[in-house]
C-alpha atoms as a PDB file:
ATOM      1  CA  GLU A   1       6.938 -20.638  -2.583  1.00  0.00           C
ATOM      2  CA  ALA A   2       8.514 -23.186  -5.602  1.00  0.00           C
ATOM      3  CA  LEU A   3       9.501 -19.872  -7.808  1.00  0.00           C
ATOM      4  CA  VAL A   4      10.889 -18.495  -4.498  1.00  0.00           C
ATOM      5  CA  GLN A   5      13.025 -22.021  -4.104  1.00  0.00           C
ATOM      6  CA  ALA A   6      14.100 -21.187  -7.752  1.00  0.00           C
ATOM      7  CA  PHE A   7      14.632 -18.214  -6.834  1.00  0.00           C
ATOM      8  CA  PRO A   8      15.502 -16.756  -3.801  1.00  0.00           C
ATOM      9  CA  ALA A   9      16.468 -13.458  -4.026  1.00  0.00           C
ATOM     10  CA  PRO A  10      15.861 -11.826  -7.450  1.00  0.00           C
ATOM     11  CA  ASP A  11      17.067  -7.719  -7.936  1.00  0.00           C
ATOM     12  CA  ILE A  12      14.125  -7.166  -9.736  1.00  0.00           C
ATOM     13  CA  LEU A  13      10.517  -8.055 -10.163  1.00  0.00           C
ATOM     14  CA  VAL A  14       7.891  -7.456 -12.840  1.00  0.00           C
ATOM     15  CA  ASN A  15       4.414  -8.219 -11.589  1.00  0.00           C
ATOM     16  CA  ASN A  16       2.802  -8.958 -15.458  1.00  0.00           C
ATOM     17  CA  LEU A  17       0.432 -11.882 -14.589  1.00  0.00           C
ATOM     18  CA  GLY A  18      -3.187 -10.855 -15.617  1.00  0.00           C
ATOM     19  CA  ILE A  19      -6.636 -12.153 -16.719  1.00  0.00           C
ATOM     20  CA  PHE A  20      -9.309 -10.056 -18.790  1.00  0.00           C
ATOM     21  CA  GLU A  21     -12.714 -10.779 -20.165  1.00  0.00           C
ATOM     22  CA  PRO A  22     -15.566  -8.302 -21.626  1.00  0.00           C
ATOM     23  CA  VAL A  23     -18.363  -9.350 -19.480  1.00  0.00           C
ATOM     24  CA  PRO A  24     -21.406  -6.700 -19.157  1.00  0.00           C
ATOM     25  CA  PHE A  25     -21.391  -5.505 -15.125  1.00  0.00           C
ATOM     26  CA  GLU A  26     -24.488  -6.806 -14.574  1.00  0.00           C
ATOM     27  CA  GLN A  27     -23.640 -10.511 -15.318  1.00  0.00           C
ATOM     28  CA  ILE A  28     -20.422 -10.750 -13.406  1.00  0.00           C
ATOM     29  CA  PRO A  29     -20.856 -13.098 -10.792  1.00  0.00           C
ATOM     30  CA  ASP A  30     -18.868 -12.625  -7.714  1.00  0.00           C
ATOM     31  CA  ASP A  31     -16.824 -15.811  -7.849  1.00  0.00           C
ATOM     32  CA  ASP A  32     -15.694 -13.618 -11.381  1.00  0.00           C
ATOM     33  CA  TRP A  33     -14.856 -10.717  -9.227  1.00  0.00           C
ATOM     34  CA  ARG A  34     -12.947 -12.378  -6.234  1.00  0.00           C
ATOM     35  CA  ARG A  35     -11.276 -14.708  -9.428  1.00  0.00           C
ATOM     36  CA  PHE A  36      -9.730 -11.105 -10.837  1.00  0.00           C
ATOM     37  CA  PHE A  37      -9.156 -10.297  -7.855  1.00  0.00           C
ATOM     38  CA  GLU A  38      -6.589 -13.306  -7.046  1.00  0.00           C
ATOM     39  CA  VAL A  39      -5.218 -13.770 -10.274  1.00  0.00           C
ATOM     40  CA  ASN A  40      -4.507  -9.529 -10.978  1.00  0.00           C
ATOM     41  CA  VAL A  41      -4.034  -7.995  -7.554  1.00  0.00           C
ATOM     42  CA  LEU A  42      -2.708 -10.462  -5.129  1.00  0.00           C
ATOM     43  CA  SER A  43      -0.115 -12.940  -7.263  1.00  0.00           C
ATOM     44  CA  GLY A  44       1.750  -9.483  -7.176  1.00  0.00           C
ATOM     45  CA  VAL A  45       0.975  -8.919  -3.683  1.00  0.00           C
ATOM     46  CA  ARG A  46       1.978 -11.890  -2.892  1.00  0.00           C
ATOM     47  CA  LEU A  47       5.431 -12.203  -4.389  1.00  0.00           C
ATOM     48  CA  SER A  48       6.469  -8.632  -3.430  1.00  0.00           C
ATOM     49  CA  ARG A  49       5.794  -9.193  -0.231  1.00  0.00           C
ATOM     50  CA  LEU A  50       7.962 -12.646  -0.514  1.00  0.00           C
ATOM     51  CA  TYR A  51      10.721 -10.668  -2.321  1.00  0.00           C
ATOM     52  CA  LEU A  52      10.500  -7.489  -0.780  1.00  0.00           C
ATOM     53  CA  PRO A  53      12.701  -8.507   2.728  1.00  0.00           C
ATOM     54  CA  ALA A  54      15.773  -9.561   0.536  1.00  0.00           C
ATOM     55  CA  MET A  55      15.857  -6.354  -1.994  1.00  0.00           C
ATOM     56  CA  LEU A  56      15.770  -4.269   1.165  1.00  0.00           C
ATOM     57  CA  ALA A  57      18.692  -6.342   2.853  1.00  0.00           C
ATOM     58  CA  LYS A  58      20.305  -6.097  -0.093  1.00  0.00           C
ATOM     59  CA  ASN A  59      19.627  -1.981  -0.111  1.00  0.00           C
ATOM     60  CA  TRP A  60      18.593  -2.125  -3.849  1.00  0.00           C
ATOM     61  CA  GLY A  61      15.739  -3.399  -5.594  1.00  0.00           C
ATOM     62  CA  ARG A  62      12.934  -2.883  -8.109  1.00  0.00           C
ATOM     63  CA  VAL A  63       9.427  -3.918  -8.313  1.00  0.00           C
ATOM     64  CA  VAL A  64       7.220  -3.167 -11.390  1.00  0.00           C
ATOM     65  CA  PHE A  65       3.356  -3.807 -11.386  1.00  0.00           C
ATOM     66  CA  VAL A  66       2.180  -4.355 -15.085  1.00  0.00           C
ATOM     67  CA  SER A  67      -1.097  -2.247 -15.141  1.00  0.00           C
ATOM     68  CA  ILE A  68      -3.036  -0.772 -18.245  1.00  0.00           C
ATOM     69  CA  GLU A  69      -4.455   2.500 -19.331  1.00  0.00           C
ATOM     70  CA  SER A  70      -7.645   0.529 -18.342  1.00  0.00           C
ATOM     71  CA  ALA A  71      -6.524   1.209 -14.513  1.00  0.00           C
ATOM     72  CA  LEU A  72      -7.664   4.818 -14.754  1.00  0.00           C
ATOM     73  CA  GLN A  73     -10.094   4.658 -18.152  1.00  0.00           C
ATOM     74  CA  ILE A  74     -12.485   1.858 -16.968  1.00  0.00           C
ATOM     75  CA  PRO A  75     -13.707   0.494 -19.973  1.00  0.00           C
ATOM     76  CA  ALA A  76     -17.689  -0.483 -18.815  1.00  0.00           C
ATOM     77  CA  GLU A  77     -17.126  -4.257 -20.673  1.00  0.00           C
ATOM     78  CA  MET A  78     -14.720  -4.842 -18.245  1.00  0.00           C
ATOM     79  CA  ILE A  79     -15.472  -3.238 -14.706  1.00  0.00           C
ATOM     80  CA  HIS A  80     -13.905  -6.077 -12.892  1.00  0.00           C
ATOM     81  CA  TYR A  81     -11.023  -5.865 -14.948  1.00  0.00           C
ATOM     82  CA  GLY A  82     -10.076  -2.254 -14.264  1.00  0.00           C
ATOM     83  CA  MET A  83     -10.652  -2.530 -10.682  1.00  0.00           C
ATOM     84  CA  THR A  84      -7.852  -4.988 -10.348  1.00  0.00           C
ATOM     85  CA  LYS A  85      -5.562  -2.827 -12.574  1.00  0.00           C
ATOM     86  CA  THR A  86      -6.574   0.353 -10.452  1.00  0.00           C
ATOM     87  CA  ALA A  87      -6.043  -1.691  -7.571  1.00  0.00           C
ATOM     88  CA  GLN A  88      -2.307  -2.413  -8.562  1.00  0.00           C
ATOM     89  CA  LEU A  89      -1.743   1.717  -8.912  1.00  0.00           C
ATOM     90  CA  ALA A  90      -2.488   1.716  -5.448  1.00  0.00           C
ATOM     91  CA  ILE A  91      -0.338  -1.254  -3.953  1.00  0.00           C
ATOM     92  CA  ALA A  92       2.408  -0.466  -6.142  1.00  0.00           C
ATOM     93  CA  ARG A  93       2.301   3.731  -4.685  1.00  0.00           C
ATOM     94  CA  GLY A  94       1.790   1.990  -1.230  1.00  0.00           C
ATOM     95  CA  ILE A  95       4.867  -0.004  -1.233  1.00  0.00           C
ATOM     96  CA  ALA A  96       6.790   2.790  -2.474  1.00  0.00           C
ATOM     97  CA  GLU A  97       5.712   4.347   0.631  1.00  0.00           C
ATOM     98  CA  SER A  98       6.529   1.922   2.491  1.00  0.00           C
ATOM     99  CA  VAL A  99      10.301   1.296   1.450  1.00  0.00           C
ATOM    100  CA  ALA A 100      10.625   4.953   1.504  1.00  0.00           C
ATOM    101  CA  GLY A 101      14.464   5.945   2.102  1.00  0.00           C
ATOM    102  CA  THR A 102      16.520   2.387   0.605  1.00  0.00           C
ATOM    103  CA  GLY A 103      17.649   1.266  -2.321  1.00  0.00           C
ATOM    104  CA  VAL A 104      14.443  -0.346  -3.664  1.00  0.00           C
ATOM    105  CA  THR A 105      11.904   0.988  -5.690  1.00  0.00           C
ATOM    106  CA  VAL A 106       8.616   0.312  -6.824  1.00  0.00           C
ATOM    107  CA  ASN A 107       6.692   2.028  -9.509  1.00  0.00           C
ATOM    108  CA  SER A 108       3.716   0.562 -12.100  1.00  0.00           C
ATOM    109  CA  VAL A 109       3.359   1.029 -15.652  1.00  0.00           C
ATOM    110  CA  GLN A 110       0.232   1.333 -17.966  1.00  0.00           C
ATOM    111  CA  PRO A 111       0.550   0.184 -21.391  1.00  0.00           C
ATOM    112  CA  GLY A 112      -1.961   1.273 -24.189  1.00  0.00           C
ATOM    113  CA  ILE A 113      -2.562  -0.613 -27.134  1.00  0.00           C
ATOM    114  CA  HIS A 114       0.695  -2.553 -28.219  1.00  0.00           C
ATOM    115  CA  ALA A 115       1.348  -5.113 -31.314  1.00  0.00           C
ATOM    116  CA  THR A 116       1.170  -8.302 -29.156  1.00  0.00           C
ATOM    117  CA  GLU A 117       0.772 -11.615 -29.964  1.00  0.00           C
ATOM    118  CA  ARG A 118      -2.661 -10.920 -28.538  1.00  0.00           C
ATOM    119  CA  PHE A 119      -3.335  -7.913 -30.273  1.00  0.00           C
ATOM    120  CA  ARG A 120      -3.054  -9.962 -33.776  1.00  0.00           C
ATOM    121  CA  GLN A 121      -5.396 -12.825 -32.111  1.00  0.00           C
ATOM    122  CA  LEU A 122      -8.097  -9.863 -31.454  1.00  0.00           C
ATOM    123  CA  TYR A 123      -7.211  -7.964 -34.833  1.00  0.00           C
ATOM    124  CA  GLY A 124      -5.153  -9.784 -37.011  1.00  0.00           C
ATOM    125  CA  ASP A 125      -3.124  -8.821 -39.601  1.00  0.00           C
ATOM    126  CA  ASP A 126      -5.271  -6.266 -41.543  1.00  0.00           C
ATOM    127  CA  PRO A 127      -3.649  -3.040 -41.983  1.00  0.00           C
ATOM    128  CA  ASP A 128      -7.409  -1.664 -42.060  1.00  0.00           C
ATOM    129  CA  ALA A 129      -8.093  -2.855 -39.057  1.00  0.00           C
ATOM    130  CA  VAL A 130      -5.076  -2.072 -37.225  1.00  0.00           C
ATOM    131  CA  GLU A 131      -5.275   1.610 -38.489  1.00  0.00           C
ATOM    132  CA  ALA A 132      -8.825   1.686 -37.142  1.00  0.00           C
ATOM    133  CA  VAL A 133      -7.225   0.870 -33.471  1.00  0.00           C
ATOM    134  CA  ALA A 134      -4.281   3.626 -33.912  1.00  0.00           C
ATOM    135  CA  GLU A 135      -6.964   6.506 -35.013  1.00  0.00           C
ATOM    136  CA  HIS A 136      -7.936   6.418 -31.175  1.00  0.00           C
ATOM    137  CA  VAL A 137      -4.339   6.847 -30.389  1.00  0.00           C
ATOM    138  CA  PRO A 138      -3.188  10.439 -30.133  1.00  0.00           C
ATOM    139  CA  THR A 139       0.264   9.290 -32.203  1.00  0.00           C
ATOM    140  CA  HIS A 140      -1.635   7.156 -34.924  1.00  0.00           C
ATOM    141  CA  THR A 141       0.086   4.064 -34.220  1.00  0.00           C
ATOM    142  CA  VAL A 142       0.160   0.895 -32.321  1.00  0.00           C
ATOM    143  CA  GLY A 143       2.911   0.663 -29.642  1.00  0.00           C
ATOM    144  CA  ARG A 144       5.429  -2.288 -30.127  1.00  0.00           C
ATOM    145  CA  ALA A 145       6.819  -4.530 -27.578  1.00  0.00           C
ATOM    146  CA  GLU A 146       9.884  -3.163 -27.524  1.00  0.00           C
ATOM    147  CA  ASP A 147       8.324   0.958 -26.714  1.00  0.00           C
ATOM    148  CA  PHE A 148       6.752  -0.783 -23.532  1.00  0.00           C
ATOM    149  CA  GLY A 149      10.289  -2.873 -23.116  1.00  0.00           C
ATOM    150  CA  GLN A 150      12.097  -0.258 -22.895  1.00  0.00           C
ATOM    151  CA  VAL A 151      10.320   1.728 -20.183  1.00  0.00           C
ATOM    152  CA  VAL A 152       9.713  -1.232 -17.974  1.00  0.00           C
ATOM    153  CA  ALA A 153      13.569  -1.979 -18.679  1.00  0.00           C
ATOM    154  CA  PHE A 154      14.499   1.371 -17.865  1.00  0.00           C
ATOM    155  CA  LEU A 155      12.412   1.007 -14.690  1.00  0.00           C
ATOM    156  CA  CYS A 156      14.439  -1.296 -13.613  1.00  0.00           C
ATOM    157  CA  SER A 157      17.948  -0.227 -14.167  1.00  0.00           C
ATOM    158  CA  ASP A 158      20.234   1.928 -11.869  1.00  0.00           C
ATOM    159  CA  GLN A 159      19.259   5.096 -14.027  1.00  0.00           C
ATOM    160  CA  ALA A 160      15.674   5.134 -12.654  1.00  0.00           C
ATOM    161  CA  ARG A 161      16.894   5.037  -8.865  1.00  0.00           C
ATOM    162  CA  PHE A 162      14.645   8.757  -9.023  1.00  0.00           C
ATOM    163  CA  VAL A 163      11.880   7.429 -10.028  1.00  0.00           C
ATOM    164  CA  THR A 164       9.328   5.739  -7.033  1.00  0.00           C
ATOM    165  CA  GLY A 165       5.782   5.153  -6.474  1.00  0.00           C
ATOM    166  CA  ALA A 166       5.304   6.121 -10.284  1.00  0.00           C
ATOM    167  CA  ALA A 167       2.554   5.114 -12.555  1.00  0.00           C
ATOM    168  CA  VAL A 168       3.749   6.010 -15.845  1.00  0.00           C
ATOM    169  CA  PRO A 169       1.809   5.669 -19.105  1.00  0.00           C
ATOM    170  CA  VAL A 170       3.225   3.742 -22.101  1.00  0.00           C
ATOM    171  CA  ASP A 171      -0.169   4.280 -24.454  1.00  0.00           C
ATOM    172  CA  GLY A 172       0.868   6.844 -27.531  1.00  0.00           C
ATOM    173  CA  GLY A 173      -1.058   9.659 -25.581  1.00  0.00           C
ATOM    174  CA  SER A 174      -3.803   7.581 -24.868  1.00  0.00           C
ATOM    175  CA  SER A 175      -4.618   8.543 -21.262  1.00  0.00           C
ATOM    176  CA  ARG A 176      -6.934  11.284 -20.503  1.00  0.00           C
ATOM    177  CA  GLY A 177      -6.168  13.754 -17.720  1.00  0.00           C
ATOM    178  CA  PHE A 178      -3.731  14.609 -15.505  1.00  0.00           C
ATOM    179  CA  LEU A 179      -1.750  11.458 -13.421  1.00  0.00           C
END
């Protein structure tokens, strides 16, 4: 509510709040399932619900949910996290359907491995570690922040007026199967 007071009617909403934690499935307590859902899913639901009316009144707006490739390829050590990212895809698609015929688009993006600050915390700047990670990406590279950012910027632009309800992978080809 404080955010809405500070920014009452933005044209663009990028839902990018998320937490994750590797934990074996049988050790994930109910409270963690609820906490992950609350933070990773309901935060975007609440903000979208608050901002959509103004976007619809203007007949223009962009909503993007930042999911991850783990939404479709659930990691065994983070099932509770993967579940929330799958939910984001469903919510984005459902909202897109609900605003069909307006100037508002709703999409999700599924980044793969990108050289972010978190990536550097996990893998450091060791070229061998980075190469080992990149080996599992069909492009044999790790994405840069701008690779992902440019896709989000496109989805938030007028050029993406015909793209809605999409789940766009930005993962160097890591996604398996057809989306």
